[in-house]
PDB file of all heavy atoms in Angstrom:
ATOM      1  N   LYS A   1      75.766  98.422  46.452  1.00  0.00           N
ATOM      2  CA  LYS A   1      74.348  98.106  46.524  1.00  0.00           C
ATOM      3  C   LYS A   1      74.027  96.790  45.834  1.00  0.00           C
ATOM      4  O   LYS A   1      73.147  96.033  46.269  1.00  0.00           O
ATOM      5  CB  LYS A   1      73.497  99.271  45.924  1.00  0.00           C
ATOM      6  CG  LYS A   1      73.484 100.448  46.841  1.00  0.00           C
ATOM      7  CD  LYS A   1      72.565 101.564  46.194  1.00  0.00           C
ATOM      8  CE  LYS A   1      72.487 102.774  47.227  1.00  0.00           C
ATOM      9  NZ  LYS A   1      71.614 102.446  48.317  1.00  0.00           N
ATOM     10  N   ILE A   2      74.707  96.466  44.721  1.00  0.00           N
ATOM     11  CA  ILE A   2      74.496  95.244  44.058  1.00  0.00           C
ATOM     12  C   ILE A   2      74.975  94.065  45.009  1.00  0.00           C
ATOM     13  O   ILE A   2      74.202  93.138  45.136  1.00  0.00           O
ATOM     14  CB  ILE A   2      75.283  95.190  42.773  1.00  0.00           C
ATOM     15  CG1 ILE A   2      74.680  96.136  41.683  1.00  0.00           C
ATOM     16  CG2 ILE A   2      75.353  93.740  42.223  1.00  0.00           C
ATOM     17  CD1 ILE A   2      75.460  96.260  40.410  1.00  0.00           C
ATOM     18  N   GLU A   3      76.093  94.227  45.511  1.00  0.00           N
ATOM     19  CA  GLU A   3      76.631  93.207  46.430  1.00  0.00           C
ATOM     20  C   GLU A   3      75.774  93.021  47.678  1.00  0.00           C
ATOM     21  O   GLU A   3      75.531  91.887  48.108  1.00  0.00           O
ATOM     22  CB  GLU A   3      78.054  93.504  46.891  1.00  0.00           C
ATOM     23  CG  GLU A   3      79.052  93.468  45.673  1.00  0.00           C
ATOM     24  CD  GLU A   3      80.449  93.939  46.155  1.00  0.00           C
ATOM     25  OE1 GLU A   3      80.573  94.629  47.226  1.00  0.00           O
ATOM     26  OE2 GLU A   3      81.442  93.644  45.404  1.00  0.00           O
ATOM     27  N   SER A   4      75.246  94.146  48.244  1.00  0.00           N
ATOM     28  CA  SER A   4      74.387  94.096  49.364  1.00  0.00           C
ATOM     29  C   SER A   4      73.124  93.209  49.048  1.00  0.00           C
ATOM     30  O   SER A   4      72.704  92.417  49.832  1.00  0.00           O
ATOM     31  CB  SER A   4      74.029  95.468  49.842  1.00  0.00           C
ATOM     32  OG  SER A   4      73.025  95.419  50.879  1.00  0.00           O
ATOM     33  N   ASN A   5      72.416  93.599  47.915  1.00  0.00           N
ATOM     34  CA  ASN A   5      71.236  92.890  47.544  1.00  0.00           C
ATOM     35  C   ASN A   5      71.475  91.421  47.207  1.00  0.00           C
ATOM     36  O   ASN A   5      70.627  90.592  47.598  1.00  0.00           O
ATOM     37  CB  ASN A   5      70.590  93.633  46.393  1.00  0.00           C
ATOM     38  CG  ASN A   5      69.798  94.827  46.753  1.00  0.00           C
ATOM     39  OD1 ASN A   5      68.707  94.706  47.287  1.00  0.00           O
ATOM     40  ND2 ASN A   5      70.397  96.044  46.564  1.00  0.00           N
ATOM     41  N   LEU A   6      72.639  91.146  46.595  1.00  0.00           N
ATOM     42  CA  LEU A   6      72.868  89.748  46.234  1.00  0.00           C
ATOM     43  C   LEU A   6      73.147  88.917  47.555  1.00  0.00           C
ATOM     44  O   LEU A   6      72.831  87.754  47.611  1.00  0.00           O
ATOM     45  CB  LEU A   6      74.112  89.622  45.284  1.00  0.00           C
ATOM     46  CG  LEU A   6      73.816  90.074  43.906  1.00  0.00           C
ATOM     47  CD1 LEU A   6      75.153  90.092  43.094  1.00  0.00           C
ATOM     48  CD2 LEU A   6      72.802  89.181  43.202  1.00  0.00           C
ATOM     49  N   ARG A   7      73.888  89.550  48.539  1.00  0.00           N
ATOM     50  CA  ARG A   7      74.100  88.858  49.743  1.00  0.00           C
ATOM     51  C   ARG A   7      72.816  88.524  50.499  1.00  0.00           C
ATOM     52  O   ARG A   7      72.646  87.410  51.011  1.00  0.00           O
ATOM     53  CB  ARG A   7      75.027  89.668  50.673  1.00  0.00           C
ATOM     54  CG  ARG A   7      76.456  89.647  50.367  1.00  0.00           C
ATOM     55  CD  ARG A   7      77.291  90.174  51.571  1.00  0.00           C
ATOM     56  NE  ARG A   7      76.895  91.541  52.007  1.00  0.00           N
ATOM     57  CZ  ARG A   7      77.382  92.611  51.536  1.00  0.00           C
ATOM     58  NH1 ARG A   7      78.284  92.606  50.574  1.00  0.00           N
ATOM     59  NH2 ARG A   7      77.013  93.793  51.965  1.00  0.00           N
ATOM     60  N   ARG A   8      71.899  89.498  50.479  1.00  0.00           N
ATOM     61  CA  ARG A   8      70.672  89.192  51.205  1.00  0.00           C
ATOM     62  C   ARG A   8      69.829  88.200  50.472  1.00  0.00           C
ATOM     63  O   ARG A   8      69.075  87.475  51.088  1.00  0.00           O
ATOM     64  CB  ARG A   8      69.870  90.576  51.355  1.00  0.00           C
ATOM     65  CG  ARG A   8      70.581  91.530  52.223  1.00  0.00           C
ATOM     66  CD  ARG A   8      69.715  92.679  52.662  1.00  0.00           C
ATOM     67  NE  ARG A   8      70.488  93.570  53.553  1.00  0.00           N
ATOM     68  CZ  ARG A   8      70.646  93.336  54.867  1.00  0.00           C
ATOM     69  NH1 ARG A   8      70.196  92.225  55.405  1.00  0.00           N
ATOM     70  NH2 ARG A   8      71.303  94.246  55.588  1.00  0.00           N
ATOM     71  N   ALA A   9      69.864  88.148  49.147  1.00  0.00           N
ATOM     72  CA  ALA A   9      69.039  87.233  48.332  1.00  0.00           C
ATOM     73  C   ALA A   9      69.679  85.839  48.284  1.00  0.00           C
ATOM     74  O   ALA A   9      68.915  84.839  48.381  1.00  0.00           O
ATOM     75  CB  ALA A   9      68.852  87.761  46.943  1.00  0.00           C
ATOM     76  N   TYR A  10      71.028  85.704  48.123  1.00  0.00           N
ATOM     77  CA  TYR A  10      71.602  84.414  47.924  1.00  0.00           C
ATOM     78  C   TYR A  10      72.804  84.118  48.759  1.00  0.00           C
ATOM     79  O   TYR A  10      73.243  82.900  48.704  1.00  0.00           O
ATOM     80  CB  TYR A  10      72.034  84.349  46.425  1.00  0.00           C
ATOM     81  CG  TYR A  10      71.036  84.877  45.480  1.00  0.00           C
ATOM     82  CD1 TYR A  10      71.268  86.117  44.867  1.00  0.00           C
ATOM     83  CD2 TYR A  10      69.834  84.198  45.213  1.00  0.00           C
ATOM     84  CE1 TYR A  10      70.362  86.625  43.890  1.00  0.00           C
ATOM     85  CE2 TYR A  10      68.961  84.718  44.337  1.00  0.00           C
ATOM     86  CZ  TYR A  10      69.104  85.937  43.675  1.00  0.00           C
ATOM     87  OH  TYR A  10      68.227  86.443  42.808  1.00  0.00           O
ATOM     88  N   GLY A  11      73.401  85.052  49.377  1.00  0.00           N
ATOM     89  CA  GLY A  11      74.650  84.852  50.075  1.00  0.00           C
ATOM     90  C   GLY A  11      74.602  84.671  51.554  1.00  0.00           C
ATOM     91  O   GLY A  11      73.811  83.907  52.119  1.00  0.00           O
ATOM     92  N   LEU A  12      75.444  85.458  52.252  1.00  0.00           N
ATOM     93  CA  LEU A  12      75.664  85.249  53.720  1.00  0.00           C
ATOM     94  C   LEU A  12      74.296  85.440  54.458  1.00  0.00           C
ATOM     95  O   LEU A  12      74.172  84.658  55.431  1.00  0.00           O
ATOM     96  CB  LEU A  12      76.614  86.350  54.192  1.00  0.00           C
ATOM     97  CG  LEU A  12      78.126  86.105  53.916  1.00  0.00           C
ATOM     98  CD1 LEU A  12      78.855  87.369  54.411  1.00  0.00           C
ATOM     99  CD2 LEU A  12      78.605  84.855  54.585  1.00  0.00           C
ATOM    100  N   TYR A  13      73.432  86.315  54.015  1.00  0.00           N
ATOM    101  CA  TYR A  13      72.222  86.539  54.777  1.00  0.00           C
ATOM    102  C   TYR A  13      71.062  85.703  54.249  1.00  0.00           C
ATOM    103  O   TYR A  13      69.927  85.917  54.814  1.00  0.00           O
ATOM    104  CB  TYR A  13      71.934  88.086  54.725  1.00  0.00           C
ATOM    105  CG  TYR A  13      73.055  88.959  55.105  1.00  0.00           C
ATOM    106  CD1 TYR A  13      73.233  90.250  54.589  1.00  0.00           C
ATOM    107  CD2 TYR A  13      73.973  88.492  56.119  1.00  0.00           C
ATOM    108  CE1 TYR A  13      74.337  90.929  54.989  1.00  0.00           C
ATOM    109  CE2 TYR A  13      75.050  89.331  56.538  1.00  0.00           C
ATOM    110  CZ  TYR A  13      75.210  90.528  55.911  1.00  0.00           C
ATOM    111  OH  TYR A  13      76.229  91.336  56.246  1.00  0.00           O
ATOM    112  N   ALA A  14      71.239  84.949  53.238  1.00  0.00           N
ATOM    113  CA  ALA A  14      70.220  84.110  52.801  1.00  0.00           C
ATOM    114  C   ALA A  14      69.993  82.921  53.678  1.00  0.00           C
ATOM    115  O   ALA A  14      70.950  82.469  54.385  1.00  0.00           O
ATOM    116  CB  ALA A  14      70.432  83.644  51.341  1.00  0.00           C
ATOM    117  N   GLY A  15      68.797  82.366  53.728  1.00  0.00           N
ATOM    118  CA  GLY A  15      68.581  81.306  54.669  1.00  0.00           C
ATOM    119  C   GLY A  15      69.309  79.958  54.254  1.00  0.00           C
ATOM    120  O   GLY A  15      69.553  79.761  53.016  1.00  0.00           O
ATOM    121  N   VAL A  16      69.666  79.137  55.177  1.00  0.00           N
ATOM    122  CA  VAL A  16      70.247  77.910  54.894  1.00  0.00           C
ATOM    123  C   VAL A  16      69.264  76.771  55.060  1.00  0.00           C
ATOM    124  O   VAL A  16      69.170  75.878  54.301  1.00  0.00           O
ATOM    125  CB  VAL A  16      71.485  77.694  55.839  1.00  0.00           C
ATOM    126  CG1 VAL A  16      72.070  76.283  55.636  1.00  0.00           C
ATOM    127  CG2 VAL A  16      72.488  78.801  55.649  1.00  0.00           C
ATOM    128  N   GLN A  17      68.461  76.810  56.198  1.00  0.00           N
ATOM    129  CA  GLN A  17      67.526  75.853  56.455  1.00  0.00           C
ATOM    130  C   GLN A  17      66.230  76.140  55.717  1.00  0.00           C
ATOM    131  O   GLN A  17      65.509  77.046  56.008  1.00  0.00           O
ATOM    132  CB  GLN A  17      67.192  75.711  57.978  1.00  0.00           C
ATOM    133  CG  GLN A  17      68.368  75.372  58.819  1.00  0.00           C
ATOM    134  CD  GLN A  17      68.058  75.405  60.263  1.00  0.00           C
ATOM    135  OE1 GLN A  17      67.675  76.392  60.759  1.00  0.00           O
ATOM    136  NE2 GLN A  17      68.226  74.291  60.875  1.00  0.00           N
ATOM    137  N   LYS A  18      65.972  75.325  54.721  1.00  0.00           N
ATOM    138  CA  LYS A  18      64.870  75.643  53.733  1.00  0.00           C
ATOM    139  C   LYS A  18      63.478  75.475  54.454  1.00  0.00           C
ATOM    140  O   LYS A  18      62.450  75.997  53.952  1.00  0.00           O
ATOM    141  CB  LYS A  18      64.917  74.749  52.581  1.00  0.00           C
ATOM    142  CG  LYS A  18      66.160  74.961  51.664  1.00  0.00           C
ATOM    143  CD  LYS A  18      66.328  76.417  51.330  1.00  0.00           C
ATOM    144  CE  LYS A  18      67.632  76.675  50.492  1.00  0.00           C
ATOM    145  NZ  LYS A  18      67.853  78.092  50.166  1.00  0.00           N
ATOM    146  N   SER A  19      63.433  74.723  55.529  1.00  0.00           N
ATOM    147  CA  SER A  19      62.174  74.500  56.227  1.00  0.00           C
ATOM    148  C   SER A  19      61.897  75.508  57.348  1.00  0.00           C
ATOM    149  O   SER A  19      60.888  75.408  58.017  1.00  0.00           O
ATOM    150  CB  SER A  19      62.091  73.055  56.746  1.00  0.00           C
ATOM    151  OG  SER A  19      63.139  72.821  57.693  1.00  0.00           O
ATOM    152  N   ARG A  20      62.794  76.430  57.569  1.00  0.00           N
ATOM    153  CA  ARG A  20      62.649  77.420  58.638  1.00  0.00           C
ATOM    154  C   ARG A  20      61.310  78.175  58.588  1.00  0.00           C
ATOM    155  O   ARG A  20      60.849  78.589  57.454  1.00  0.00           O
ATOM    156  CB  ARG A  20      63.813  78.420  58.573  1.00  0.00           C
ATOM    157  CG  ARG A  20      63.930  79.270  59.857  1.00  0.00           C
ATOM    158  CD  ARG A  20      65.262  79.938  59.849  1.00  0.00           C
ATOM    159  NE  ARG A  20      65.501  80.826  58.674  1.00  0.00           N
ATOM    160  CZ  ARG A  20      65.288  82.099  58.683  1.00  0.00           C
ATOM    161  NH1 ARG A  20      64.856  82.752  59.764  1.00  0.00           N
ATOM    162  NH2 ARG A  20      65.573  82.850  57.583  1.00  0.00           N
ATOM    163  N   SER A  21      60.655  78.321  59.645  1.00  0.00           N
ATOM    164  CA  SER A  21      59.420  79.070  59.679  1.00  0.00           C
ATOM    165  C   SER A  21      59.275  79.720  61.003  1.00  0.00           C
ATOM    166  O   SER A  21      59.900  79.450  62.010  1.00  0.00           O
ATOM    167  CB  SER A  21      58.181  78.094  59.496  1.00  0.00           C
ATOM    168  OG  SER A  21      58.068  77.188  60.579  1.00  0.00           O
ATOM    169  N   ILE A  22      58.446  80.848  60.988  1.00  0.00           N
ATOM    170  CA  ILE A  22      58.099  81.622  62.203  1.00  0.00           C
ATOM    171  C   ILE A  22      56.563  81.681  62.288  1.00  0.00           C
ATOM    172  O   ILE A  22      55.870  81.991  61.269  1.00  0.00           O
ATOM    173  CB  ILE A  22      58.698  82.980  62.114  1.00  0.00           C
ATOM    174  CG1 ILE A  22      60.177  82.949  62.029  1.00  0.00           C
ATOM    175  CG2 ILE A  22      58.246  83.829  63.371  1.00  0.00           C
ATOM    176  CD1 ILE A  22      60.837  84.345  61.817  1.00  0.00           C
ATOM    177  N   THR A  23      55.983  81.322  63.367  1.00  0.00           N
ATOM    178  CA  THR A  23      54.611  81.354  63.531  1.00  0.00           C
ATOM    179  C   THR A  23      54.101  82.259  64.704  1.00  0.00           C
ATOM    180  O   THR A  23      54.644  82.135  65.808  1.00  0.00           O
ATOM    181  CB  THR A  23      54.048  79.925  63.759  1.00  0.00           C
ATOM    182  OG1 THR A  23      54.466  79.085  62.665  1.00  0.00           O
ATOM    183  CG2 THR A  23      52.448  79.942  63.892  1.00  0.00           C
ATOM    184  N   VAL A  24      53.175  83.090  64.470  1.00  0.00           N
ATOM    185  CA  VAL A  24      52.614  83.965  65.524  1.00  0.00           C
ATOM    186  C   VAL A  24      51.033  83.958  65.332  1.00  0.00           C
ATOM    187  O   VAL A  24      50.483  84.391  64.294  1.00  0.00           O
ATOM    188  CB  VAL A  24      53.129  85.439  65.347  1.00  0.00           C
ATOM    189  CG1 VAL A  24      52.385  86.339  66.421  1.00  0.00           C
ATOM    190  CG2 VAL A  24      54.571  85.510  65.579  1.00  0.00           C
ATOM    191  N   SER A  25      50.423  83.288  66.349  1.00  0.00           N
ATOM    192  CA  SER A  25      48.912  83.275  66.315  1.00  0.00           C
ATOM    193  C   SER A  25      48.414  82.796  64.956  1.00  0.00           C
ATOM    194  O   SER A  25      47.424  83.477  64.438  1.00  0.00           O
ATOM    195  CB  SER A  25      48.393  84.623  66.659  1.00  0.00           C
ATOM    196  OG  SER A  25      48.892  85.040  67.861  1.00  0.00           O
ATOM    197  N   GLY A  26      48.909  81.770  64.414  1.00  0.00           N
ATOM    198  CA  GLY A  26      48.313  81.212  63.125  1.00  0.00           C
ATOM    199  C   GLY A  26      48.924  81.793  61.911  1.00  0.00           C
ATOM    200  O   GLY A  26      48.626  81.324  60.797  1.00  0.00           O
ATOM    201  N   LEU A  27      49.676  82.872  62.052  1.00  0.00           N
ATOM    202  CA  LEU A  27      50.330  83.504  60.859  1.00  0.00           C
ATOM    203  C   LEU A  27      51.705  82.863  60.699  1.00  0.00           C
ATOM    204  O   LEU A  27      52.529  82.954  61.572  1.00  0.00           O
ATOM    205  CB  LEU A  27      50.465  85.042  61.052  1.00  0.00           C
ATOM    206  CG  LEU A  27      51.155  85.787  59.955  1.00  0.00           C
ATOM    207  CD1 LEU A  27      50.301  85.765  58.761  1.00  0.00           C
ATOM    208  CD2 LEU A  27      51.358  87.212  60.441  1.00  0.00           C
ATOM    209  N   ASN A  28      51.909  82.265  59.554  1.00  0.00           N
ATOM    210  CA  ASN A  28      53.108  81.516  59.260  1.00  0.00           C
ATOM    211  C   ASN A  28      53.979  82.180  58.218  1.00  0.00           C
ATOM    212  O   ASN A  28      53.507  82.399  57.104  1.00  0.00           O
ATOM    213  CB  ASN A  28      52.807  80.089  58.800  1.00  0.00           C
ATOM    214  CG  ASN A  28      52.117  79.297  59.932  1.00  0.00           C
ATOM    215  OD1 ASN A  28      52.658  78.907  60.894  1.00  0.00           O
ATOM    216  ND2 ASN A  28      50.771  79.041  59.708  1.00  0.00           N
TER     217      ASN A  28
END
C-alpha cells in the first residue's frame, strides 16, 4: 500500500507534463 500510494503521488503514475489540463464546459 505504501508503494502503491507513492507510485501514484510521485512515481510511474504521477504526471510528467506539468502544464497538462482537462477542460469540460469551463471546468478546468
